[in-house]
Amino acid sequence: MTEPRTLLCFGDSNTWGFEPGTMARLPRHVRWPGVVAERLGDGWYVVEAGLSGRTTVFEDPLDDLSGLRHLGPVLASAAPVDVVVIALGTNDLKTRMGASAYEIAEGAGALVDLVLASAAGPGERAPAVLLVAPPPIGGLGGWAERDPLGYEGFEEQWREARERSLRFAVQYARVARVRGVAFLDAGAHVLSSEIDGVHWEPEGHAAFGRAVAAAVGALALPG
């Protein structure tokens, strides 16, 4: 019996399935990795590795959330992995990171480099990579509207984040091109929710999941 190929989805709260407005987790079949699994079928095994607050490489002083530090152990635990989808960068927009769109994309590039230098794929080859540019964020006023005490001044931690996020697609495409990996602009398929400006509605997960499945299906993989 042939083993299914493995797809690792490495991301933040939008990979985890954070539901805008409720902070609950969307059901497995609604989250975009679940949509991908359904579209790819039995020939693939999809590993969900989403974590709320996760950055690319930046150290968050409020928590241990660096994707660069997490990715190696996650890769090793899921190996052998045929394809890694890297969908990170939104949390890097927070004011305390002090990062430009260029620097955030370079942070994502460091994660790509880690995967390409690994032996986590079949036959100890490196897995293929699909690099995702997060969509632009929207208005953030909904947080304080729902919970004035908990989120008063919340927008201060996202100063000029919308403007920087609008440059993600160009910068991530550059990083993918330099490294010779596949690229997907999430903003072409999903809009950040009007409820909180950061997370995705179920229809966004569905559209993005279909796009990821198509992109993965188009990859030329060994074997």
C-alpha atoms as a PDB file:
ATOM      1  CA  MET A   1       0.000   0.000   0.000  1.00  0.00           C
ATOM      2  CA  THR A   2       1.367   3.409  -1.005  1.00  0.00           C
ATOM      3  CA  GLU A   3       1.691   5.965   1.771  1.00  0.00           C
ATOM      4  CA  PRO A   4      -0.084   9.273   1.151  1.00  0.00           C
ATOM      5  CA  ARG A   5       2.025  12.338   0.597  1.00  0.00           C
ATOM      6  CA  THR A   6       2.295  14.744   3.537  1.00  0.00           C
ATOM      7  CA  LEU A   7       1.436  18.445   3.432  1.00  0.00           C
ATOM      8  CA  LEU A   8       2.490  20.573   6.405  1.00  0.00           C
ATOM      9  CA  CYS A   9       0.503  23.789   6.923  1.00  0.00           C
ATOM     10  CA  PHE A  10       2.682  26.062   9.073  1.00  0.00           C
ATOM     11  CA  GLY A  11       0.991  29.288  10.081  1.00  0.00           C
ATOM     12  CA  ASP A  12      -0.623  31.496  12.684  1.00  0.00           C
ATOM     13  CA  SER A  13      -4.160  31.956  14.014  1.00  0.00           C
ATOM     14  CA  ASN A  14      -5.643  31.873  10.529  1.00  0.00           C
ATOM     15  CA  THR A  15      -4.160  28.402  10.050  1.00  0.00           C
ATOM     16  CA  TRP A  16      -5.349  27.441  13.539  1.00  0.00           C
ATOM     17  CA  GLY A  17      -8.851  28.616  12.599  1.00  0.00           C
ATOM     18  CA  PHE A  18      -9.537  31.599  14.890  1.00  0.00           C
ATOM     19  CA  GLU A  19     -13.151  32.652  14.332  1.00  0.00           C
ATOM     20  CA  PRO A  20     -13.594  36.440  14.067  1.00  0.00           C
ATOM     21  CA  GLY A  21     -15.694  37.842  16.886  1.00  0.00           C
ATOM     22  CA  THR A  22     -15.946  34.695  19.000  1.00  0.00           C
ATOM     23  CA  MET A  23     -12.265  33.706  19.435  1.00  0.00           C
ATOM     24  CA  ALA A  24     -13.442  30.099  19.148  1.00  0.00           C
ATOM     25  CA  ARG A  25     -11.839  27.624  16.754  1.00  0.00           C
ATOM     26  CA  LEU A  26     -13.633  27.003  13.509  1.00  0.00           C
ATOM     27  CA  PRO A  27     -14.532  23.338  12.846  1.00  0.00           C
ATOM     28  CA  ARG A  28     -11.886  21.188  11.196  1.00  0.00           C
ATOM     29  CA  HIS A  29     -13.725  20.921   7.886  1.00  0.00           C
ATOM     30  CA  VAL A  30     -14.156  24.734   7.750  1.00  0.00           C
ATOM     31  CA  ARG A  31     -10.519  25.659   8.433  1.00  0.00           C
ATOM     32  CA  TRP A  32      -8.465  26.058   5.279  1.00  0.00           C
ATOM     33  CA  PRO A  33      -6.190  23.055   5.958  1.00  0.00           C
ATOM     34  CA  GLY A  34      -9.347  20.942   6.237  1.00  0.00           C
ATOM     35  CA  VAL A  35     -10.577  22.336   2.935  1.00  0.00           C
ATOM     36  CA  VAL A  36      -7.221  21.456   1.375  1.00  0.00           C
ATOM     37  CA  ALA A  37      -7.415  17.918   2.745  1.00  0.00           C
ATOM     38  CA  GLU A  38     -10.869  17.428   1.271  1.00  0.00           C
ATOM     39  CA  ARG A  39      -9.801  18.782  -2.127  1.00  0.00           C
ATOM     40  CA  LEU A  40      -6.578  16.758  -2.342  1.00  0.00           C
ATOM     41  CA  GLY A  41      -8.256  13.526  -1.255  1.00  0.00           C
ATOM     42  CA  ASP A  42      -6.907  10.273   0.121  1.00  0.00           C
ATOM     43  CA  GLY A  43      -3.541  10.624  -1.594  1.00  0.00           C
ATOM     44  CA  TRP A  44      -2.535  13.309   0.892  1.00  0.00           C
ATOM     45  CA  TYR A  45      -2.211  13.632   4.653  1.00  0.00           C
ATOM     46  CA  VAL A  46      -2.516  17.230   5.877  1.00  0.00           C
ATOM     47  CA  VAL A  47      -0.772  18.297   9.093  1.00  0.00           C
ATOM     48  CA  GLU A  48      -2.184  21.439  10.747  1.00  0.00           C
ATOM     49  CA  ALA A  49       0.465  23.469  12.566  1.00  0.00           C
ATOM     50  CA  GLY A  50      -1.227  26.779  13.274  1.00  0.00           C
ATOM     51  CA  LEU A  51      -0.497  28.845  16.392  1.00  0.00           C
ATOM     52  CA  SER A  52      -2.114  32.137  17.340  1.00  0.00           C
ATOM     53  CA  GLY A  53       0.384  34.984  17.507  1.00  0.00           C
ATOM     54  CA  ARG A  54       3.162  33.150  15.697  1.00  0.00           C
ATOM     55  CA  THR A  55       5.655  35.379  13.847  1.00  0.00           C
ATOM     56  CA  THR A  56       8.145  34.531  11.110  1.00  0.00           C
ATOM     57  CA  VAL A  57      11.463  35.114  12.869  1.00  0.00           C
ATOM     58  CA  PHE A  58      10.778  38.013  15.207  1.00  0.00           C
ATOM     59  CA  GLU A  59      10.921  37.551  18.956  1.00  0.00           C
ATOM     60  CA  ASP A  60       7.700  38.686  20.603  1.00  0.00           C
ATOM     61  CA  PRO A  61       8.519  40.005  24.089  1.00  0.00           C
ATOM     62  CA  LEU A  62       5.082  38.885  25.269  1.00  0.00           C
ATOM     63  CA  ASP A  63       5.436  35.201  24.342  1.00  0.00           C
ATOM     64  CA  ASP A  64       7.564  32.453  22.752  1.00  0.00           C
ATOM     65  CA  LEU A  65       6.103  32.645  19.248  1.00  0.00           C
ATOM     66  CA  SER A  66       8.971  32.723  16.753  1.00  0.00           C
ATOM     67  CA  GLY A  67       8.205  30.549  13.764  1.00  0.00           C
ATOM     68  CA  LEU A  68      11.910  30.107  13.073  1.00  0.00           C
ATOM     69  CA  ARG A  69      12.367  28.423  16.427  1.00  0.00           C
ATOM     70  CA  HIS A  70       9.223  26.295  16.073  1.00  0.00           C
ATOM     71  CA  LEU A  71       9.594  25.123  12.480  1.00  0.00           C
ATOM     72  CA  GLY A  72      12.503  22.722  12.911  1.00  0.00           C
ATOM     73  CA  PRO A  73      10.825  20.585  15.589  1.00  0.00           C
ATOM     74  CA  VAL A  74       7.493  20.680  13.746  1.00  0.00           C
ATOM     75  CA  LEU A  75       9.185  19.541  10.529  1.00  0.00           C
ATOM     76  CA  ALA A  76      10.973  16.737  12.334  1.00  0.00           C
ATOM     77  CA  SER A  77       7.807  15.510  14.008  1.00  0.00           C
ATOM     78  CA  ALA A  78       5.850  15.466  10.730  1.00  0.00           C
ATOM     79  CA  ALA A  79       8.612  14.001   8.549  1.00  0.00           C
ATOM     80  CA  PRO A  80       8.752  12.828   5.874  1.00  0.00           C
ATOM     81  CA  VAL A  81       7.013  15.926   4.493  1.00  0.00           C
ATOM     82  CA  ASP A  82       6.470  16.400   0.765  1.00  0.00           C
ATOM     83  CA  VAL A  83       5.288  20.031   0.810  1.00  0.00           C
ATOM     84  CA  VAL A  84       5.394  22.804   3.408  1.00  0.00           C
ATOM     85  CA  VAL A  85       2.954  25.703   3.152  1.00  0.00           C
ATOM     86  CA  ILE A  86       4.359  28.726   5.006  1.00  0.00           C
ATOM     87  CA  ALA A  87       1.606  31.213   5.831  1.00  0.00           C
ATOM     88  CA  LEU A  88       3.036  33.721   8.297  1.00  0.00           C
ATOM     89  CA  GLY A  89       3.674  37.450   8.599  1.00  0.00           C
ATOM     90  CA  THR A  90       0.516  39.082   9.912  1.00  0.00           C
ATOM     91  CA  ASN A  91       1.701  39.109  13.526  1.00  0.00           C
ATOM     92  CA  ASP A  92       5.011  40.626  12.433  1.00  0.00           C
ATOM     93  CA  LEU A  93       3.041  43.793  11.648  1.00  0.00           C
ATOM     94  CA  LYS A  94       2.584  44.530  15.349  1.00  0.00           C
ATOM     95  CA  THR A  95       4.192  47.781  16.428  1.00  0.00           C
ATOM     96  CA  ARG A  96       6.496  46.105  18.935  1.00  0.00           C
ATOM     97  CA  MET A  97       8.228  44.125  16.134  1.00  0.00           C
ATOM     98  CA  GLY A  98       9.189  47.321  14.299  1.00  0.00           C
ATOM     99  CA  ALA A  99       9.378  45.481  10.965  1.00  0.00           C
ATOM    100  CA  SER A 100       8.773  46.720   7.433  1.00  0.00           C
ATOM    101  CA  ALA A 101       7.035  44.648   4.737  1.00  0.00           C
ATOM    102  CA  TYR A 102      10.455  43.963   3.227  1.00  0.00           C
ATOM    103  CA  GLU A 103      11.829  42.697   6.549  1.00  0.00           C
ATOM    104  CA  ILE A 104       8.769  40.568   7.243  1.00  0.00           C
ATOM    105  CA  ALA A 105       9.053  38.943   3.826  1.00  0.00           C
ATOM    106  CA  GLU A 106      12.736  38.287   4.496  1.00  0.00           C
ATOM    107  CA  GLY A 107      11.689  36.649   7.765  1.00  0.00           C
ATOM    108  CA  ALA A 108       9.424  34.344   5.788  1.00  0.00           C
ATOM    109  CA  GLY A 109      12.366  33.722   3.494  1.00  0.00           C
ATOM    110  CA  ALA A 110      14.425  32.521   6.437  1.00  0.00           C
ATOM    111  CA  LEU A 111      11.759  29.886   7.074  1.00  0.00           C
ATOM    112  CA  VAL A 112      11.911  28.848   3.426  1.00  0.00           C
ATOM    113  CA  ASP A 113      15.685  28.543   3.748  1.00  0.00           C
ATOM    114  CA  LEU A 114      15.308  26.316   6.792  1.00  0.00           C
ATOM    115  CA  VAL A 115      12.984  23.950   4.929  1.00  0.00           C
ATOM    116  CA  LEU A 116      15.168  23.841   1.816  1.00  0.00           C
ATOM    117  CA  ALA A 117      18.245  23.081   3.914  1.00  0.00           C
ATOM    118  CA  SER A 118      16.508  20.259   5.774  1.00  0.00           C
ATOM    119  CA  ALA A 119      16.345  16.546   5.087  1.00  0.00           C
ATOM    120  CA  ALA A 120      12.706  16.373   6.203  1.00  0.00           C
ATOM    121  CA  GLY A 121      11.303  15.148   2.897  1.00  0.00           C
ATOM    122  CA  PRO A 122      11.032  11.636   1.480  1.00  0.00           C
ATOM    123  CA  GLY A 123      14.418  10.031   0.915  1.00  0.00           C
ATOM    124  CA  GLU A 124      15.941  12.712   3.153  1.00  0.00           C
ATOM    125  CA  ARG A 125      15.433  15.308   0.442  1.00  0.00           C
ATOM    126  CA  ALA A 126      14.188  18.784   1.249  1.00  0.00           C
ATOM    127  CA  PRO A 127      10.413  19.271   1.024  1.00  0.00           C
ATOM    128  CA  ALA A 128       8.911  21.550  -1.610  1.00  0.00           C
ATOM    129  CA  VAL A 129       7.667  24.910  -0.344  1.00  0.00           C
ATOM    130  CA  LEU A 130       4.596  27.013  -1.095  1.00  0.00           C
ATOM    131  CA  LEU A 131       5.146  30.511   0.298  1.00  0.00           C
ATOM    132  CA  VAL A 132       1.969  32.460   1.069  1.00  0.00           C
ATOM    133  CA  ALA A 133       1.705  36.243   1.282  1.00  0.00           C
ATOM    134  CA  PRO A 134      -0.903  37.068   3.960  1.00  0.00           C
ATOM    135  CA  PRO A 135      -3.784  39.272   2.831  1.00  0.00           C
ATOM    136  CA  PRO A 136      -3.862  42.932   3.860  1.00  0.00           C
ATOM    137  CA  ILE A 137      -5.393  43.517   7.261  1.00  0.00           C
ATOM    138  CA  GLY A 138      -8.528  45.625   7.699  1.00  0.00           C
ATOM    139  CA  GLY A 139      -9.924  47.941  10.358  1.00  0.00           C
ATOM    140  CA  LEU A 140      -9.166  46.943  13.944  1.00  0.00           C
ATOM    141  CA  GLY A 141     -11.814  48.957  15.785  1.00  0.00           C
ATOM    142  CA  GLY A 142     -14.040  45.934  16.261  1.00  0.00           C
ATOM    143  CA  TRP A 143     -11.871  44.585  19.079  1.00  0.00           C
ATOM    144  CA  ALA A 144     -12.559  47.494  21.435  1.00  0.00           C
ATOM    145  CA  GLU A 145     -16.194  47.684  20.331  1.00  0.00           C
ATOM    146  CA  ARG A 146     -16.759  44.134  21.588  1.00  0.00           C
ATOM    147  CA  ASP A 147     -14.658  44.427  24.731  1.00  0.00           C
ATOM    148  CA  PRO A 148     -13.791  48.043  25.672  1.00  0.00           C
ATOM    149  CA  LEU A 149     -12.045  47.061  28.889  1.00  0.00           C
ATOM    150  CA  GLY A 150      -9.950  44.272  27.408  1.00  0.00           C
ATOM    151  CA  TYR A 151      -9.013  45.966  24.135  1.00  0.00           C
ATOM    152  CA  GLU A 152      -8.946  49.685  24.835  1.00  0.00           C
ATOM    153  CA  GLY A 153      -6.092  51.082  22.725  1.00  0.00           C
ATOM    154  CA  PHE A 154      -5.726  47.787  20.850  1.00  0.00           C
ATOM    155  CA  GLU A 155      -5.059  49.554  17.548  1.00  0.00           C
ATOM    156  CA  GLU A 156      -1.898  51.089  19.009  1.00  0.00           C
ATOM    157  CA  GLN A 157      -0.117  47.767  18.638  1.00  0.00           C
ATOM    158  CA  TRP A 158      -0.816  47.845  14.884  1.00  0.00           C
ATOM    159  CA  ARG A 159       0.356  51.338  13.875  1.00  0.00           C
ATOM    160  CA  GLU A 160       0.602  51.667  10.076  1.00  0.00           C
ATOM    161  CA  ALA A 161       0.064  47.912   9.800  1.00  0.00           C
ATOM    162  CA  ARG A 162      -2.546  48.204   7.059  1.00  0.00           C
ATOM    163  CA  GLU A 163      -0.169  50.209   4.858  1.00  0.00           C
ATOM    164  CA  ARG A 164       2.680  47.736   5.366  1.00  0.00           C
ATOM    165  CA  SER A 165       0.443  44.730   4.740  1.00  0.00           C
ATOM    166  CA  LEU A 166      -0.550  46.159   1.347  1.00  0.00           C
ATOM    167  CA  ARG A 167       3.060  45.556   0.251  1.00  0.00           C
ATOM    168  CA  PHE A 168       3.123  41.908   1.288  1.00  0.00           C
ATOM    169  CA  ALA A 169       2.226  40.409  -2.102  1.00  0.00           C
ATOM    170  CA  VAL A 170       5.077  42.136  -3.942  1.00  0.00           C
ATOM    171  CA  GLN A 171       7.663  41.446  -1.256  1.00  0.00           C
ATOM    172  CA  TYR A 172       6.724  37.789  -0.707  1.00  0.00           C
ATOM    173  CA  ALA A 173       6.674  37.170  -4.460  1.00  0.00           C
ATOM    174  CA  ARG A 174      10.218  38.538  -4.599  1.00  0.00           C
ATOM    175  CA  VAL A 175      11.368  36.237  -1.804  1.00  0.00           C
ATOM    176  CA  ALA A 176       9.774  33.194  -3.455  1.00  0.00           C
ATOM    177  CA  ARG A 177      11.284  34.067  -6.837  1.00  0.00           C
ATOM    178  CA  VAL A 178      14.801  34.446  -5.430  1.00  0.00           C
ATOM    179  CA  ARG A 179      14.567  31.060  -3.714  1.00  0.00           C
ATOM    180  CA  GLY A 180      12.859  29.270  -6.573  1.00  0.00           C
ATOM    181  CA  VAL A 181       9.782  28.178  -4.617  1.00  0.00           C
ATOM    182  CA  ALA A 182       6.074  28.376  -5.384  1.00  0.00           C
ATOM    183  CA  PHE A 183       4.156  31.482  -4.365  1.00  0.00           C
ATOM    184  CA  LEU A 184       0.513  32.224  -3.538  1.00  0.00           C
ATOM    185  CA  ASP A 185      -1.003  35.626  -2.783  1.00  0.00           C
ATOM    186  CA  ALA A 186      -3.691  34.970  -0.170  1.00  0.00           C
ATOM    187  CA  GLY A 187      -5.090  38.438  -0.779  1.00  0.00           C
ATOM    188  CA  ALA A 188      -6.264  37.317  -4.220  1.00  0.00           C
ATOM    189  CA  HIS A 189      -8.574  34.798  -2.563  1.00  0.00           C
ATOM    190  CA  VAL A 190      -9.522  35.979   0.933  1.00  0.00           C
ATOM    191  CA  LEU A 191     -10.342  39.253   2.693  1.00  0.00           C
ATOM    192  CA  SER A 192      -9.606  39.852   6.359  1.00  0.00           C
ATOM    193  CA  SER A 193     -12.860  39.960   8.315  1.00  0.00           C
ATOM    194  CA  GLU A 194     -14.632  43.264   8.861  1.00  0.00           C
ATOM    195  CA  ILE A 195     -15.347  42.035  12.395  1.00  0.00           C
ATOM    196  CA  ASP A 196     -11.755  42.204  13.650  1.00  0.00           C
ATOM    197  CA  GLY A 197      -9.618  43.134  10.647  1.00  0.00           C
ATOM    198  CA  VAL A 198      -7.208  40.215  11.034  1.00  0.00           C
ATOM    199  CA  HIS A 199      -8.947  36.859  10.867  1.00  0.00           C
ATOM    200  CA  TRP A 200     -10.870  35.099   8.115  1.00  0.00           C
ATOM    201  CA  GLU A 201     -14.510  34.249   7.710  1.00  0.00           C
ATOM    202  CA  PRO A 202     -15.494  30.669   6.735  1.00  0.00           C
ATOM    203  CA  GLU A 203     -15.958  31.642   3.092  1.00  0.00           C
ATOM    204  CA  GLY A 204     -12.417  33.025   3.085  1.00  0.00           C
ATOM    205  CA  HIS A 205     -11.061  29.768   4.462  1.00  0.00           C
ATOM    206  CA  ALA A 206     -12.946  27.887   1.746  1.00  0.00           C
ATOM    207  CA  ALA A 207     -11.630  30.050  -1.085  1.00  0.00           C
ATOM    208  CA  PHE A 208      -8.079  30.040   0.210  1.00  0.00           C
ATOM    209  CA  GLY A 209      -8.153  26.288   0.840  1.00  0.00           C
ATOM    210  CA  ARG A 210      -9.211  25.684  -2.758  1.00  0.00           C
ATOM    211  CA  ALA A 211      -6.381  27.925  -3.984  1.00  0.00           C
ATOM    212  CA  VAL A 212      -3.797  26.109  -1.864  1.00  0.00           C
ATOM    213  CA  ALA A 213      -5.007  22.714  -3.050  1.00  0.00           C
ATOM    214  CA  ALA A 214      -4.719  23.860  -6.671  1.00  0.00           C
ATOM    215  CA  ALA A 215      -1.229  25.240  -6.096  1.00  0.00           C
ATOM    216  CA  VAL A 216      -0.064  22.067  -4.364  1.00  0.00           C
ATOM    217  CA  GLY A 217      -1.565  19.940  -7.103  1.00  0.00           C
ATOM    218  CA  ALA A 218       0.399  21.897  -9.699  1.00  0.00           C
ATOM    219  CA  LEU A 219       3.775  21.238  -8.049  1.00  0.00           C
ATOM    220  CA  ALA A 220       6.169  18.882  -9.789  1.00  0.00           C
ATOM    221  CA  LEU A 221       7.108  16.492  -6.991  1.00  0.00           C
ATOM    222  CA  PRO A 222       9.582  13.600  -7.121  1.00  0.00           C
ATOM    223  CA  GLY A 223       8.134  10.129  -7.434  1.00  0.00           C
END
